[in-house]
Amino acid sequence: MQITVVVCVAPRETREWMLDLPHGASVADALRAIGAAPLPSPAPAGAAEMTEMGAPFVGVWGRAAALDAPLQRGDRVEVYRPLKVDPKVARRERFARQGARSTGLFARQRPGGKSGY
């Protein structure tokens, strides 16, 4: 069965492999076939932060997948990079930096209008 493996190696840079694997192959088998050591079950350093932020290490078609998950014909296995910053924290910091008057509803306020309208 044909499987696609995509690895994000850097921001905006991915590598893609098309593999022919036997039926019943798992995500770990696909990673072994491209020469990548499968991620260990206990998370490596920095994995706790990444998992807390909601980003899985490996997914199939954008959904988190375990290494022992069976693959089907035409699946796309994706290996993700860890997030450097929690998106919620980044948004809060950006809002604090820009100030309440220059974002969201308050960005285009009529002269003399009430705040929030």
N, C-alpha and C. Protein backbone atom coordinates (compact mmCIF):
# COMPACT_ATOMS: atom_id res chain seq x y z
N MET A 1 0.84 -1.18 0.00
CA MET A 1 0.00 0.00 0.00
C MET A 1 0.88 1.23 0.00
N GLN A 2 0.41 2.27 -0.65
CA GLN A 2 1.21 3.48 -0.80
C GLN A 2 0.89 4.46 0.34
N ILE A 3 1.95 4.97 0.97
CA ILE A 3 1.87 5.90 2.09
C ILE A 3 2.75 7.10 1.78
N THR A 4 2.32 8.28 2.21
CA THR A 4 3.13 9.49 2.10
C THR A 4 3.59 9.88 3.50
N VAL A 5 4.86 10.18 3.65
CA VAL A 5 5.41 10.65 4.92
C VAL A 5 5.94 12.06 4.69
N VAL A 6 5.49 13.00 5.52
CA VAL A 6 5.92 14.39 5.42
C VAL A 6 6.54 14.78 6.75
N VAL A 7 7.75 15.33 6.69
CA VAL A 7 8.46 15.76 7.89
C VAL A 7 8.73 17.25 7.78
N CYS A 8 8.34 17.99 8.80
CA CYS A 8 8.62 19.43 8.84
C CYS A 8 9.99 19.60 9.48
N VAL A 9 10.98 19.99 8.68
CA VAL A 9 12.35 20.08 9.17
C VAL A 9 12.73 21.47 9.65
N ALA A 10 12.02 22.49 9.18
CA ALA A 10 12.27 23.87 9.57
C ALA A 10 11.02 24.67 9.23
N PRO A 11 10.92 25.90 9.71
CA PRO A 11 9.75 26.71 9.34
C PRO A 11 9.63 26.82 7.82
N ARG A 12 8.44 26.53 7.33
CA ARG A 12 8.12 26.60 5.90
C ARG A 12 8.97 25.66 5.04
N GLU A 13 9.51 24.62 5.63
CA GLU A 13 10.32 23.66 4.87
C GLU A 13 9.92 22.24 5.27
N THR A 14 9.49 21.46 4.29
CA THR A 14 9.10 20.08 4.55
C THR A 14 9.82 19.16 3.57
N ARG A 15 9.90 17.89 3.97
CA ARG A 15 10.43 16.85 3.09
C ARG A 15 9.35 15.78 2.98
N GLU A 16 9.21 15.22 1.80
CA GLU A 16 8.13 14.27 1.55
C GLU A 16 8.67 13.00 0.90
N TRP A 17 8.18 11.85 1.35
CA TRP A 17 8.54 10.56 0.80
C TRP A 17 7.27 9.80 0.44
N MET A 18 7.29 9.11 -0.68
CA MET A 18 6.23 8.19 -1.07
C MET A 18 6.75 6.78 -0.83
N LEU A 19 6.06 6.00 -0.02
CA LEU A 19 6.53 4.66 0.35
C LEU A 19 5.52 3.60 -0.05
N ASP A 20 6.02 2.42 -0.36
CA ASP A 20 5.18 1.24 -0.54
C ASP A 20 5.44 0.33 0.65
N LEU A 21 4.45 0.19 1.52
CA LEU A 21 4.58 -0.62 2.72
C LEU A 21 3.61 -1.79 2.65
N PRO A 22 3.91 -2.87 3.35
CA PRO A 22 2.97 -4.01 3.36
C PRO A 22 1.71 -3.65 4.16
N HIS A 23 0.62 -4.36 3.88
CA HIS A 23 -0.62 -4.15 4.63
C HIS A 23 -0.38 -4.44 6.10
N GLY A 24 -1.01 -3.66 6.96
CA GLY A 24 -0.83 -3.83 8.40
C GLY A 24 0.33 -3.05 8.96
N ALA A 25 0.98 -2.23 8.14
CA ALA A 25 2.12 -1.43 8.62
C ALA A 25 1.61 -0.36 9.59
N SER A 26 2.49 0.04 10.50
CA SER A 26 2.14 1.05 11.49
C SER A 26 2.89 2.35 11.19
N VAL A 27 2.58 3.38 11.98
CA VAL A 27 3.26 4.67 11.84
C VAL A 27 4.75 4.49 12.08
N ALA A 28 5.12 3.69 13.08
CA ALA A 28 6.53 3.45 13.37
C ALA A 28 7.23 2.79 12.18
N ASP A 29 6.54 1.87 11.48
CA ASP A 29 7.12 1.23 10.30
C ASP A 29 7.41 2.25 9.21
N ALA A 30 6.51 3.19 9.03
CA ALA A 30 6.70 4.24 8.02
C ALA A 30 7.90 5.11 8.37
N LEU A 31 8.05 5.44 9.66
CA LEU A 31 9.19 6.27 10.08
C LEU A 31 10.50 5.51 9.91
N ARG A 32 10.49 4.21 10.20
CA ARG A 32 11.69 3.39 10.01
C ARG A 32 12.06 3.32 8.53
N ALA A 33 11.05 3.26 7.67
CA ALA A 33 11.30 3.14 6.23
C ALA A 33 11.98 4.38 5.65
N ILE A 34 11.76 5.54 6.24
CA ILE A 34 12.43 6.75 5.73
C ILE A 34 13.76 6.99 6.42
N GLY A 35 14.09 6.12 7.38
CA GLY A 35 15.37 6.25 8.06
C GLY A 35 15.31 7.07 9.32
N ALA A 36 14.12 7.49 9.73
CA ALA A 36 13.98 8.24 10.97
C ALA A 36 13.73 7.27 12.10
N ALA A 37 14.43 7.46 13.19
CA ALA A 37 14.17 6.62 14.36
C ALA A 37 12.81 7.01 14.91
N PRO A 38 11.93 6.05 15.18
CA PRO A 38 10.63 6.42 15.72
C PRO A 38 10.77 7.09 17.08
N LEU A 39 9.87 7.99 17.36
CA LEU A 39 9.90 8.70 18.63
C LEU A 39 9.61 7.72 19.75
N PRO A 40 10.36 7.79 20.84
CA PRO A 40 10.12 6.86 21.93
C PRO A 40 8.78 7.13 22.60
N SER A 41 8.22 6.11 23.24
CA SER A 41 6.95 6.26 23.93
C SER A 41 7.06 7.28 25.06
N PRO A 42 8.07 7.16 25.95
CA PRO A 42 8.24 8.26 26.89
C PRO A 42 8.75 9.46 26.11
N ALA A 43 8.14 10.59 26.34
CA ALA A 43 8.44 11.78 25.54
C ALA A 43 9.87 12.25 25.76
N PRO A 44 10.56 12.69 24.70
CA PRO A 44 11.90 13.24 24.85
C PRO A 44 11.87 14.62 25.49
N ALA A 45 13.03 15.19 25.74
CA ALA A 45 13.12 16.50 26.38
C ALA A 45 12.35 17.53 25.57
N GLY A 46 11.56 18.33 26.26
CA GLY A 46 10.77 19.36 25.60
C GLY A 46 9.43 18.87 25.10
N ALA A 47 9.18 17.59 25.18
CA ALA A 47 7.93 17.06 24.66
C ALA A 47 6.75 17.42 25.55
N ALA A 48 6.98 17.53 26.85
CA ALA A 48 5.88 17.85 27.75
C ALA A 48 5.28 19.21 27.39
N GLU A 49 6.14 20.19 27.12
CA GLU A 49 5.64 21.51 26.76
C GLU A 49 4.85 21.43 25.46
N MET A 50 5.36 20.65 24.49
CA MET A 50 4.70 20.57 23.20
C MET A 50 3.34 19.90 23.34
N THR A 51 3.26 18.84 24.14
CA THR A 51 2.00 18.14 24.32
C THR A 51 1.01 19.03 25.05
N GLU A 52 1.48 19.80 26.03
CA GLU A 52 0.59 20.70 26.76
C GLU A 52 0.01 21.75 25.83
N MET A 53 0.74 22.16 24.81
CA MET A 53 0.26 23.15 23.87
C MET A 53 -0.67 22.55 22.84
N GLY A 54 -0.84 21.24 22.86
CA GLY A 54 -1.79 20.61 21.97
C GLY A 54 -1.22 20.15 20.64
N ALA A 55 0.06 20.23 20.42
CA ALA A 55 0.64 19.81 19.15
C ALA A 55 1.21 18.40 19.29
N PRO A 56 0.69 17.44 18.55
CA PRO A 56 1.23 16.09 18.64
C PRO A 56 2.53 15.98 17.87
N PHE A 57 3.33 14.97 18.18
CA PHE A 57 4.56 14.73 17.45
C PHE A 57 4.27 14.16 16.07
N VAL A 58 3.38 13.18 16.01
CA VAL A 58 3.10 12.48 14.77
C VAL A 58 1.60 12.46 14.56
N GLY A 59 1.20 12.65 13.32
CA GLY A 59 -0.22 12.60 13.01
C GLY A 59 -0.44 11.92 11.67
N VAL A 60 -1.68 11.51 11.46
CA VAL A 60 -2.09 10.96 10.18
C VAL A 60 -3.20 11.87 9.67
N TRP A 61 -2.96 12.52 8.56
CA TRP A 61 -3.89 13.49 7.99
C TRP A 61 -4.27 14.57 9.00
N GLY A 62 -3.30 15.07 9.76
CA GLY A 62 -3.54 16.19 10.67
C GLY A 62 -4.12 15.81 12.01
N ARG A 63 -4.33 14.55 12.28
CA ARG A 63 -4.85 14.11 13.58
C ARG A 63 -3.77 13.33 14.31
N ALA A 64 -3.67 13.55 15.61
CA ALA A 64 -2.66 12.87 16.42
C ALA A 64 -2.78 11.37 16.26
N ALA A 65 -1.64 10.70 16.17
CA ALA A 65 -1.62 9.26 16.00
C ALA A 65 -0.52 8.66 16.86
N ALA A 66 -0.79 7.48 17.39
CA ALA A 66 0.22 6.75 18.15
C ALA A 66 1.15 6.04 17.17
N LEU A 67 2.32 5.69 17.65
CA LEU A 67 3.29 5.01 16.78
C LEU A 67 2.82 3.63 16.35
N ASP A 68 1.97 3.01 17.15
CA ASP A 68 1.48 1.68 16.79
C ASP A 68 0.16 1.72 16.02
N ALA A 69 -0.27 2.90 15.61
CA ALA A 69 -1.52 3.03 14.86
C ALA A 69 -1.36 2.40 13.47
N PRO A 70 -2.30 1.56 13.06
CA PRO A 70 -2.20 0.95 11.73
C PRO A 70 -2.49 1.97 10.64
N LEU A 71 -1.83 1.81 9.52
CA LEU A 71 -2.01 2.71 8.38
C LEU A 71 -2.90 2.06 7.33
N GLN A 72 -3.57 2.91 6.57
CA GLN A 72 -4.39 2.44 5.45
C GLN A 72 -3.80 3.00 4.16
N ARG A 73 -4.23 2.41 3.05
CA ARG A 73 -3.72 2.86 1.75
C ARG A 73 -4.05 4.35 1.55
N GLY A 74 -3.05 5.12 1.12
CA GLY A 74 -3.23 6.54 0.83
C GLY A 74 -3.08 7.45 2.03
N ASP A 75 -2.74 6.92 3.21
CA ASP A 75 -2.56 7.76 4.39
C ASP A 75 -1.36 8.68 4.23
N ARG A 76 -1.43 9.80 4.93
CA ARG A 76 -0.33 10.78 4.95
C ARG A 76 0.13 10.90 6.40
N VAL A 77 1.33 10.40 6.67
CA VAL A 77 1.91 10.47 8.01
C VAL A 77 2.70 11.78 8.10
N GLU A 78 2.42 12.56 9.13
CA GLU A 78 3.06 13.87 9.30
C GLU A 78 3.84 13.90 10.60
N VAL A 79 5.08 14.36 10.54
CA VAL A 79 5.92 14.50 11.73
C VAL A 79 6.08 15.99 11.97
N TYR A 80 5.69 16.43 13.17
CA TYR A 80 5.64 17.85 13.48
C TYR A 80 6.84 18.30 14.31
N ARG A 81 7.19 19.57 14.14
CA ARG A 81 8.22 20.19 14.98
C ARG A 81 7.57 20.70 16.25
N PRO A 82 8.31 20.81 17.34
CA PRO A 82 7.72 21.36 18.57
C PRO A 82 7.45 22.86 18.42
N LEU A 83 6.40 23.33 19.09
CA LEU A 83 6.11 24.76 19.10
C LEU A 83 7.10 25.46 20.01
N LYS A 84 7.53 26.64 19.62
CA LYS A 84 8.46 27.40 20.45
C LYS A 84 7.72 28.24 21.47
N VAL A 85 6.49 28.66 21.13
CA VAL A 85 5.70 29.50 22.01
C VAL A 85 4.26 29.01 21.97
N ASP A 86 3.62 28.99 23.12
CA ASP A 86 2.20 28.65 23.19
C ASP A 86 1.42 29.74 22.44
N PRO A 87 0.56 29.37 21.48
CA PRO A 87 -0.17 30.38 20.71
C PRO A 87 -1.01 31.31 21.58
N LYS A 88 -1.57 30.81 22.67
CA LYS A 88 -2.36 31.67 23.56
C LYS A 88 -1.49 32.72 24.23
N VAL A 89 -0.31 32.31 24.66
CA VAL A 89 0.62 33.25 25.30
C VAL A 89 1.08 34.29 24.28
N ALA A 90 1.37 33.86 23.05
CA ALA A 90 1.81 34.80 22.01
C ALA A 90 0.73 35.84 21.74
N ARG A 91 -0.52 35.42 21.70
CA ARG A 91 -1.61 36.37 21.46
C ARG A 91 -1.73 37.36 22.61
N ARG A 92 -1.65 36.87 23.84
CA ARG A 92 -1.71 37.78 24.99
C ARG A 92 -0.58 38.80 24.96
N GLU A 93 0.63 38.34 24.64
CA GLU A 93 1.78 39.25 24.59
C GLU A 93 1.61 40.28 23.47
N ARG A 94 1.11 39.83 22.32
CA ARG A 94 0.89 40.75 21.20
C ARG A 94 -0.15 41.81 21.57
N PHE A 95 -1.22 41.41 22.23
CA PHE A 95 -2.27 42.33 22.65
C PHE A 95 -1.73 43.34 23.65
N ALA A 96 -0.91 42.87 24.61
CA ALA A 96 -0.33 43.76 25.60
C ALA A 96 0.61 44.76 24.95
N ARG A 97 1.35 44.30 23.93
CA ARG A 97 2.30 45.18 23.25
C ARG A 97 1.58 46.24 22.41
N GLN A 98 0.50 45.84 21.74
CA GLN A 98 -0.22 46.77 20.87
C GLN A 98 -1.13 47.70 21.64
N GLY A 99 -1.63 47.25 22.78
CA GLY A 99 -2.54 48.06 23.56
C GLY A 99 -3.98 47.82 23.14
N ALA A 100 -4.90 48.09 24.05
CA ALA A 100 -6.31 47.81 23.80
C ALA A 100 -6.90 48.72 22.74
N ARG A 101 -6.40 49.90 22.56
CA ARG A 101 -7.00 50.86 21.63
C ARG A 101 -6.67 50.59 20.16
N SER A 102 -5.67 49.75 19.90
CA SER A 102 -5.28 49.55 18.51
C SER A 102 -5.60 48.17 17.97
N THR A 103 -6.41 47.39 18.71
CA THR A 103 -6.72 46.04 18.24
C THR A 103 -8.21 45.78 18.32
N GLY A 104 -8.65 44.83 17.54
CA GLY A 104 -10.02 44.34 17.61
C GLY A 104 -11.06 45.40 17.32
N LEU A 105 -12.11 45.43 18.13
CA LEU A 105 -13.21 46.38 17.94
C LEU A 105 -12.78 47.83 18.08
N PHE A 106 -11.70 48.06 18.80
CA PHE A 106 -11.28 49.42 19.11
C PHE A 106 -10.34 50.02 18.08
N ALA A 107 -10.00 49.26 17.05
CA ALA A 107 -9.01 49.72 16.08
C ALA A 107 -9.55 50.86 15.22
N ARG A 108 -10.84 50.83 14.83
CA ARG A 108 -11.41 51.86 13.95
C ARG A 108 -12.58 52.54 14.63
N GLN A 109 -12.28 53.34 15.58
CA GLN A 109 -13.31 54.03 16.34
C GLN A 109 -13.58 55.40 15.71
N ARG A 110 -14.84 55.76 15.63
CA ARG A 110 -15.19 57.08 15.08
C ARG A 110 -14.68 58.17 16.01
N PRO A 111 -14.27 59.29 15.47
CA PRO A 111 -13.85 60.40 16.33
C PRO A 111 -15.02 60.83 17.22
N GLY A 112 -14.80 60.89 18.50
CA GLY A 112 -15.84 61.30 19.44
C GLY A 112 -16.79 60.19 19.84
N GLY A 113 -16.60 58.99 19.29
CA GLY A 113 -17.49 57.87 19.61
C GLY A 113 -17.14 57.24 20.95
N LYS A 114 -18.09 56.48 21.50
CA LYS A 114 -17.85 55.79 22.77
C LYS A 114 -16.90 54.62 22.53
N SER A 115 -16.10 54.30 23.54
CA SER A 115 -15.20 53.18 23.38
C SER A 115 -16.00 51.89 23.37
N GLY A 116 -15.65 50.98 22.49
CA GLY A 116 -16.34 49.70 22.38
C GLY A 116 -17.42 49.70 21.32
N TYR A 117 -17.69 50.84 20.67
CA TYR A 117 -18.70 50.91 19.63
C TYR A 117 -18.10 51.28 18.30
